[in-house]
N, C-alpha and C. Protein backbone atom coordinates (compact mmCIF):
# COMPACT_ATOMS: atom_id res chain seq x y z
N UNK A 1 -2.61 -8.73 -24.32
CA UNK A 1 -2.64 -8.10 -23.06
C UNK A 1 -1.56 -9.21 -22.07
N UNK A 2 -1.37 -8.50 -20.91
CA UNK A 2 -0.11 -8.64 -20.64
C UNK A 2 -0.66 -9.89 -19.30
N UNK A 3 0.61 -10.42 -18.25
CA UNK A 3 0.29 -11.31 -17.17
C UNK A 3 -0.41 -10.24 -16.03
N UNK A 4 0.20 -8.72 -16.42
CA UNK A 4 -0.26 -8.19 -15.11
C UNK A 4 -1.78 -7.76 -15.52
N UNK A 5 -2.32 -8.22 -16.67
CA UNK A 5 -3.88 -8.07 -16.49
C UNK A 5 -4.68 -9.12 -16.46
N UNK A 6 -4.28 -10.39 -16.75
CA UNK A 6 -4.85 -11.26 -16.42
C UNK A 6 -4.57 -12.43 -15.81
N UNK A 7 -5.01 -13.43 -15.46
CA UNK A 7 -4.47 -14.95 -14.95
C UNK A 7 -5.14 -15.85 -15.32
N UNK A 8 -4.82 -16.99 -15.61
CA UNK A 8 -5.40 -18.13 -16.12
C UNK A 8 -6.62 -18.35 -14.80
N UNK A 9 -7.80 -18.33 -15.19
CA UNK A 9 -8.97 -19.28 -14.55
C UNK A 9 -9.60 -20.60 -14.94
N UNK A 10 -9.06 -21.39 -14.33
CA UNK A 10 -9.50 -22.84 -14.75
C UNK A 10 -8.92 -23.36 -16.29
N UNK A 11 -8.14 -22.90 -16.38
CA UNK A 11 -7.26 -23.18 -17.60
C UNK A 11 -7.65 -23.39 -18.74
N UNK A 12 -8.94 -22.40 -19.05
CA UNK A 12 -9.71 -22.02 -19.96
C UNK A 12 -10.10 -21.03 -20.44
N UNK A 13 -9.80 -19.90 -19.49
CA UNK A 13 -10.67 -18.70 -19.31
C UNK A 13 -9.51 -17.80 -18.79
N UNK A 14 -9.56 -16.48 -19.01
CA UNK A 14 -8.81 -15.15 -18.39
C UNK A 14 -9.78 -14.79 -17.07
N UNK A 15 -9.05 -14.50 -16.21
CA UNK A 15 -9.41 -13.87 -14.73
C UNK A 15 -8.70 -12.19 -14.66
N UNK A 16 -9.42 -11.19 -14.47
CA UNK A 16 -8.58 -9.81 -14.46
C UNK A 16 -8.02 -9.86 -13.23
N UNK A 17 -7.09 -9.03 -13.13
CA UNK A 17 -5.79 -9.02 -12.21
C UNK A 17 -6.51 -7.51 -11.31
N UNK A 18 -7.61 -7.19 -12.05
CA UNK A 18 -7.56 -5.54 -11.64
C UNK A 18 -8.14 -5.56 -10.22
N UNK A 19 -9.46 -6.76 -10.06
CA UNK A 19 -9.90 -6.60 -8.64
C UNK A 19 -8.75 -6.50 -7.37
N UNK A 20 -7.63 -7.61 -7.86
CA UNK A 20 -5.92 -7.94 -6.77
C UNK A 20 -5.58 -6.75 -6.82
N UNK A 21 -5.31 -6.05 -8.10
CA UNK A 21 -4.47 -4.42 -7.91
C UNK A 21 -5.16 -3.48 -6.91
N UNK A 22 -6.09 -3.54 -7.13
CA UNK A 22 -7.36 -2.62 -6.14
C UNK A 22 -7.06 -3.02 -4.55
N UNK A 23 -7.38 -4.15 -4.22
CA UNK A 23 -7.22 -5.09 -3.07
C UNK A 23 -5.37 -4.81 -2.44
N UNK A 24 -5.00 -4.84 -3.82
CA UNK A 24 -3.28 -5.19 -3.00
C UNK A 24 -3.54 -2.94 -2.66
N UNK A 25 -3.56 -2.10 -3.58
CA UNK A 25 -3.21 -1.12 -3.17
C UNK A 25 -4.44 -0.42 -1.85
N UNK A 26 -5.27 -1.35 -1.90
CA UNK A 26 -6.10 -0.09 -0.63
C UNK A 26 -5.52 -1.01 0.57
N UNK A 27 -4.67 -2.21 0.65
CA UNK A 27 -4.15 -2.54 1.31
C UNK A 27 -2.60 -1.52 2.12
N UNK A 28 -1.99 -1.25 0.77
CA UNK A 28 -0.66 0.07 0.95
C UNK A 28 -1.63 1.15 1.90
N UNK A 29 -2.82 1.43 1.51
CA UNK A 29 -3.36 2.60 1.76
C UNK A 29 -3.68 2.26 3.06
N UNK A 30 -4.12 1.23 4.13
CA UNK A 30 -4.30 0.80 5.09
C UNK A 30 -2.69 0.86 6.00
N UNK A 31 -1.69 0.43 5.42
CA UNK A 31 -0.14 -0.21 5.95
C UNK A 31 0.07 1.52 5.76
N UNK A 32 0.04 2.21 4.94
CA UNK A 32 0.63 3.77 5.44
C UNK A 32 -0.05 4.11 6.20
N UNK A 33 -1.11 4.45 6.48
CA UNK A 33 -2.46 5.16 7.62
C UNK A 33 -2.06 4.58 9.12
N UNK A 34 -0.98 3.34 8.91
CA UNK A 34 -0.56 3.22 10.16
C UNK A 34 0.25 3.91 10.84
N UNK A 35 1.02 4.59 10.64
CA UNK A 35 1.89 5.46 10.72
C UNK A 35 1.28 6.88 11.33
N UNK A 36 0.03 7.24 10.54
CA UNK A 36 -0.92 8.41 11.37
C UNK A 36 -0.48 7.91 12.70
N UNK A 37 -2.04 6.74 12.81
CA UNK A 37 -2.08 6.43 14.57
C UNK A 37 -1.02 6.58 15.18
N UNK A 38 0.18 6.12 14.71
CA UNK A 38 1.29 6.31 15.32
C UNK A 38 1.64 7.59 15.87
N UNK A 39 1.83 8.09 14.94
CA UNK A 39 2.38 9.71 14.93
C UNK A 39 1.48 10.35 16.41
N UNK A 40 -0.12 10.06 15.93
CA UNK A 40 -0.85 10.71 16.64
C UNK A 40 -0.69 10.02 18.39
N UNK A 41 -0.22 8.58 18.62
CA UNK A 41 -0.34 8.01 19.73
C UNK A 41 1.19 8.48 20.41
N UNK A 42 1.89 9.37 19.70
CA UNK A 42 3.50 9.65 20.29
C UNK A 42 2.88 10.92 20.95
N UNK A 43 2.00 11.65 20.70
CA UNK A 43 1.33 12.58 21.16
C UNK A 43 0.62 12.95 22.85
N UNK A 44 0.29 11.14 22.75
CA UNK A 44 -0.78 11.07 24.22
C UNK A 44 0.44 10.25 25.14
N UNK A 45 -0.27 10.39 26.29
CA UNK A 45 0.06 9.69 27.70
C UNK A 45 0.72 8.67 27.49
N UNK A 46 1.89 7.93 27.21
CA UNK A 46 2.51 6.66 27.33
C UNK A 46 1.31 5.95 28.56
N UNK A 47 1.45 4.68 28.10
CA UNK A 47 0.07 4.00 28.76
C UNK A 47 -1.05 4.36 28.98
N UNK A 48 -1.61 5.46 28.53
CA UNK A 48 -2.81 6.21 29.17
C UNK A 48 -3.89 5.40 27.96
N UNK A 49 -5.21 5.43 27.97
CA UNK A 49 -6.19 4.92 27.68
C UNK A 49 -6.33 4.71 26.15
N UNK A 50 -6.21 6.22 25.89
CA UNK A 50 -6.26 6.63 24.38
C UNK A 50 -4.81 5.75 23.42
N UNK A 51 -3.70 6.03 24.31
CA UNK A 51 -2.16 5.10 23.97
C UNK A 51 -2.67 3.82 23.18
N UNK A 52 -3.28 3.33 24.58
CA UNK A 52 -3.40 1.98 24.11
C UNK A 52 -4.15 1.54 22.93
N UNK A 53 -5.76 2.26 22.91
CA UNK A 53 -6.51 1.93 21.81
C UNK A 53 -5.73 2.30 20.34
N UNK A 54 -4.71 3.50 20.35
CA UNK A 54 -4.37 4.02 19.37
C UNK A 54 -3.48 3.09 18.46
N UNK A 55 -2.71 2.16 19.51
CA UNK A 55 -1.65 1.19 19.45
C UNK A 55 -2.41 -0.57 19.52
N UNK A 56 -3.60 -0.48 19.67
CA UNK A 56 -4.45 -1.64 19.57
C UNK A 56 -5.21 -1.61 17.72
N UNK A 57 -5.47 -0.29 17.58
CA UNK A 57 -5.69 0.42 15.94
C UNK A 57 -4.59 0.08 14.89
N UNK A 58 -3.28 0.28 16.06
CA UNK A 58 -2.33 0.12 14.74
C UNK A 58 -1.85 -1.79 14.38
N UNK A 59 -2.17 -2.28 15.48
CA UNK A 59 -1.94 -3.93 15.18
C UNK A 59 -2.98 -4.56 14.18
N UNK A 60 -4.24 -3.57 14.46
CA UNK A 60 -5.63 -4.24 14.15
C UNK A 60 -4.94 -4.20 12.36
N UNK A 61 -4.73 -2.96 12.10
CA UNK A 61 -4.47 -2.60 10.51
C UNK A 61 -3.26 -3.07 10.17
N UNK A 62 -2.42 -3.42 10.70
CA UNK A 62 -1.49 -4.61 10.56
C UNK A 62 -1.42 -5.68 9.97
N UNK A 63 -1.99 -6.22 10.65
CA UNK A 63 -3.09 -7.62 10.76
C UNK A 63 -3.73 -7.81 9.63
N UNK A 64 -5.02 -6.55 9.35
CA UNK A 64 -5.33 -6.64 8.50
C UNK A 64 -4.85 -6.83 7.05
N UNK A 65 -3.49 -5.80 6.91
CA UNK A 65 -2.89 -5.75 5.92
C UNK A 65 -2.07 -7.20 5.41
N UNK A 66 -1.36 -8.02 6.53
CA UNK A 66 -0.93 -9.00 6.22
C UNK A 66 -1.71 -10.15 5.86
N UNK A 67 -3.06 -10.26 5.81
CA UNK A 67 -3.89 -10.75 5.35
C UNK A 67 -4.16 -10.53 4.06
N UNK A 68 -4.72 -9.17 3.65
CA UNK A 68 -4.49 -8.96 2.87
C UNK A 68 -3.54 -9.11 1.19
N UNK A 69 -2.27 -8.88 2.50
CA UNK A 69 -1.10 -9.29 1.14
C UNK A 69 -0.74 -10.64 0.99
N UNK A 70 -1.22 -11.65 1.78
CA UNK A 70 -1.15 -13.23 1.53
C UNK A 70 -2.15 -13.31 0.07
N UNK A 71 -3.60 -12.79 0.24
CA UNK A 71 -4.27 -13.17 -0.68
C UNK A 71 -4.12 -12.49 -2.07
N UNK A 72 -3.06 -11.17 -1.95
CA UNK A 72 -2.69 -11.10 -3.33
C UNK A 72 -1.88 -11.53 -3.86
N UNK A 73 -0.79 -11.85 -2.78
CA UNK A 73 0.49 -12.66 -3.33
C UNK A 73 0.08 -14.10 -3.73
N UNK A 74 -1.13 -14.47 -3.75
CA UNK A 74 -1.77 -15.95 -4.50
C UNK A 74 -1.71 -16.01 -5.91
N UNK A 75 -2.04 -14.60 -6.13
CA UNK A 75 -2.48 -14.44 -7.49
C UNK A 75 -1.41 -13.20 -8.52
N UNK A 76 -0.87 -12.04 -7.57
CA UNK A 76 0.20 -11.56 -7.95
C UNK A 76 1.26 -11.89 -8.12
N UNK A 77 2.69 -11.78 -9.33
CA UNK A 77 3.71 -11.77 -8.69
C UNK A 77 4.50 -11.47 -7.42
N UNK A 78 5.48 -11.74 -6.86
CA UNK A 78 6.04 -11.24 -5.39
C UNK A 78 6.53 -9.79 -5.90
N UNK A 79 7.69 -10.08 -7.53
CA UNK A 79 8.24 -8.69 -8.00
C UNK A 79 7.31 -7.79 -8.46
N UNK A 80 6.52 -7.85 -8.47
CA UNK A 80 5.12 -7.15 -9.16
C UNK A 80 4.39 -6.62 -7.80
N UNK A 81 4.18 -7.41 -7.33
CA UNK A 81 3.60 -6.83 -5.90
C UNK A 81 4.36 -5.77 -5.25
N UNK A 82 5.45 -6.45 -4.77
CA UNK A 82 7.10 -5.75 -3.96
C UNK A 82 7.11 -4.18 -5.08
N UNK A 83 6.99 -4.38 -5.93
CA UNK A 83 7.29 -3.09 -6.84
C UNK A 83 6.36 -1.75 -6.23
N UNK A 84 4.66 -1.85 -6.60
CA UNK A 84 3.97 -1.27 -6.06
C UNK A 84 3.77 -1.08 -4.79
N UNK A 85 4.48 -1.72 -3.91
CA UNK A 85 4.43 -1.37 -2.11
C UNK A 85 4.92 -0.02 -1.89
N UNK A 86 5.80 0.59 -3.01
CA UNK A 86 6.38 1.90 -3.24
C UNK A 86 6.01 2.94 -3.04
N UNK A 87 4.35 2.74 -2.93
CA UNK A 87 2.78 3.62 -3.45
C UNK A 87 2.87 4.11 -1.90
N UNK A 88 3.25 3.02 -0.71
CA UNK A 88 2.68 3.82 0.60
C UNK A 88 4.22 5.16 0.98
N UNK A 89 5.05 5.48 0.01
CA UNK A 89 6.07 6.48 0.30
C UNK A 89 4.98 7.67 0.10
N UNK A 90 4.05 7.63 -1.15
CA UNK A 90 3.30 8.32 -1.66
C UNK A 90 1.97 8.87 -0.56
N UNK A 91 1.11 7.43 0.00
CA UNK A 91 0.77 7.95 1.09
C UNK A 91 1.24 8.66 2.06
N UNK A 92 1.65 8.20 2.25
CA UNK A 92 2.72 9.08 3.38
C UNK A 92 2.68 10.38 3.05
N UNK A 93 3.16 10.56 2.16
CA UNK A 93 3.55 12.41 1.78
C UNK A 93 1.89 12.88 1.96
N UNK A 94 0.97 12.02 1.56
CA UNK A 94 -0.33 12.55 1.44
C UNK A 94 -1.20 12.82 2.49
N UNK A 95 -0.81 11.93 3.38
CA UNK A 95 -0.95 11.42 4.98
C UNK A 95 -0.84 12.67 5.65
N UNK A 96 0.59 12.74 5.34
CA UNK A 96 1.43 13.74 6.48
C UNK A 96 0.73 15.37 5.77
N UNK A 97 0.43 15.57 5.02
CA UNK A 97 -0.28 17.10 4.78
C UNK A 97 -1.51 17.13 5.15
N UNK A 98 -2.34 16.06 4.94
CA UNK A 98 -3.82 16.16 5.37
C UNK A 98 -3.95 16.06 6.94
N UNK A 99 -3.10 14.73 7.96
CA UNK A 99 -3.29 14.89 8.96
C UNK A 99 -2.37 15.62 9.69
N UNK A 100 -1.37 15.99 9.90
CA UNK A 100 -0.42 17.15 10.08
C UNK A 100 0.04 18.63 9.44
N UNK A 101 -0.83 18.96 8.42
CA UNK A 101 -0.05 20.04 7.85
C UNK A 101 1.01 19.81 7.29
N UNK A 102 2.38 18.86 7.05
CA UNK A 102 3.44 18.98 6.88
C UNK A 102 3.12 19.32 5.06
N UNK A 103 4.38 20.21 4.93
CA UNK A 103 4.68 20.63 3.20
C UNK A 103 4.91 19.79 2.69
N UNK A 104 4.43 19.87 2.03
CA UNK A 104 4.64 18.78 0.53
C UNK A 104 5.89 19.89 -0.47
N UNK A 105 7.08 19.59 -1.08
CA UNK A 105 7.96 19.67 -1.15
C UNK A 105 8.26 19.57 -2.58
N UNK A 106 9.03 20.19 -3.54
CA UNK A 106 8.83 19.68 -4.98
C UNK A 106 9.88 18.37 -5.23
N UNK A 107 11.03 18.61 -4.18
CA UNK A 107 11.45 17.28 -3.91
C UNK A 107 10.94 15.92 -4.01
N UNK A 108 9.48 15.91 -3.22
CA UNK A 108 8.58 14.68 -2.71
C UNK A 108 7.94 15.03 -3.85
N UNK A 109 7.22 15.96 -4.60
CA UNK A 109 6.32 15.91 -5.90
C UNK A 109 7.31 14.90 -6.96
N UNK A 110 8.41 15.01 -6.63
CA UNK A 110 9.48 14.63 -8.32
C UNK A 110 9.71 13.21 -7.57
N UNK A 111 9.68 12.61 -6.26
CA UNK A 111 9.98 11.34 -6.09
C UNK A 111 8.71 10.88 -6.31
N UNK A 112 7.21 10.85 -6.02
CA UNK A 112 6.22 10.69 -6.45
C UNK A 112 5.96 10.00 -7.68
N UNK A 113 6.60 10.93 -8.99
CA UNK A 113 6.61 10.79 -9.54
C UNK A 113 7.26 9.65 -10.22
N UNK A 114 8.63 9.85 -9.77
CA UNK A 114 9.67 8.74 -10.32
C UNK A 114 8.81 7.46 -9.72
N UNK A 115 8.11 7.09 -8.49
CA UNK A 115 7.88 6.15 -8.18
C UNK A 115 6.85 5.85 -9.51
N UNK A 116 5.80 6.64 -9.28
CA UNK A 116 4.43 6.06 -10.44
C UNK A 116 5.54 5.59 -11.63
N UNK A 117 5.71 6.07 -12.52
CA UNK A 117 6.68 6.11 -13.50
C UNK A 117 7.61 4.78 -13.10
N UNK A 118 8.50 4.51 -12.30
CA UNK A 118 9.04 2.99 -11.80
C UNK A 118 7.87 2.17 -12.06
N UNK A 119 6.79 2.11 -11.40
CA UNK A 119 5.87 1.59 -11.41
C UNK A 119 4.89 0.89 -12.26
N UNK A 120 4.97 1.77 -13.69
CA UNK A 120 4.23 1.34 -15.02
C UNK A 120 5.65 0.84 -15.68
N UNK A 121 6.41 0.98 -15.71
CA UNK A 121 7.55 0.24 -16.04
C UNK A 121 7.93 -0.93 -15.58
N UNK A 122 7.77 -0.82 -14.09
CA UNK A 122 7.89 -2.69 -13.66
C UNK A 122 6.53 -3.61 -13.79
N UNK A 123 5.49 -2.88 -13.70
CA UNK A 123 3.90 -3.68 -14.11
C UNK A 123 3.58 -3.73 -15.90
N UNK A 124 4.45 -3.10 -16.61
CA UNK A 124 4.05 -3.10 -18.00
C UNK A 124 4.32 -4.42 -18.86
N UNK A 125 5.35 -5.33 -18.44
CA UNK A 125 5.42 -6.19 -18.65
C UNK A 125 6.24 -7.01 -17.88
N UNK A 126 5.66 -8.11 -17.42
CA UNK A 126 5.45 -9.26 -16.80
C UNK A 126 6.05 -10.35 -17.16
N UNK A 127 5.99 -10.71 -18.49
CA UNK A 127 6.00 -12.12 -18.54
C UNK A 127 7.27 -12.67 -18.27
N UNK A 128 7.49 -13.81 -17.51
CA UNK A 128 8.49 -14.51 -17.45
C UNK A 128 9.43 -15.31 -18.47
């Protein structure tokens, strides 16, 4: 088992990192979603109640993401966590399609596959 899979827990047992990776990727999902709200806000009247509400939601999402990120960094190496952050690009492609009907082109699919493969390679062996 690699360091990516487990961490020391109390010096005598191993604790799974899987929940932290799930938390981290949930944070990335949230982080990518803030851009959806931002784009919706651009189509509303500047400083209207809806505009302000949307941007308040953006700030709330970014705040929650920052708290999750700090918790994840307590147990996952920065280099591993940062390499996984590129998943926000994939979420952005997905959200663009779902919320705005944006086309997903072949080069986007190839880029997403490269991101997945890169994350797998970078997370494959994290021994110091």
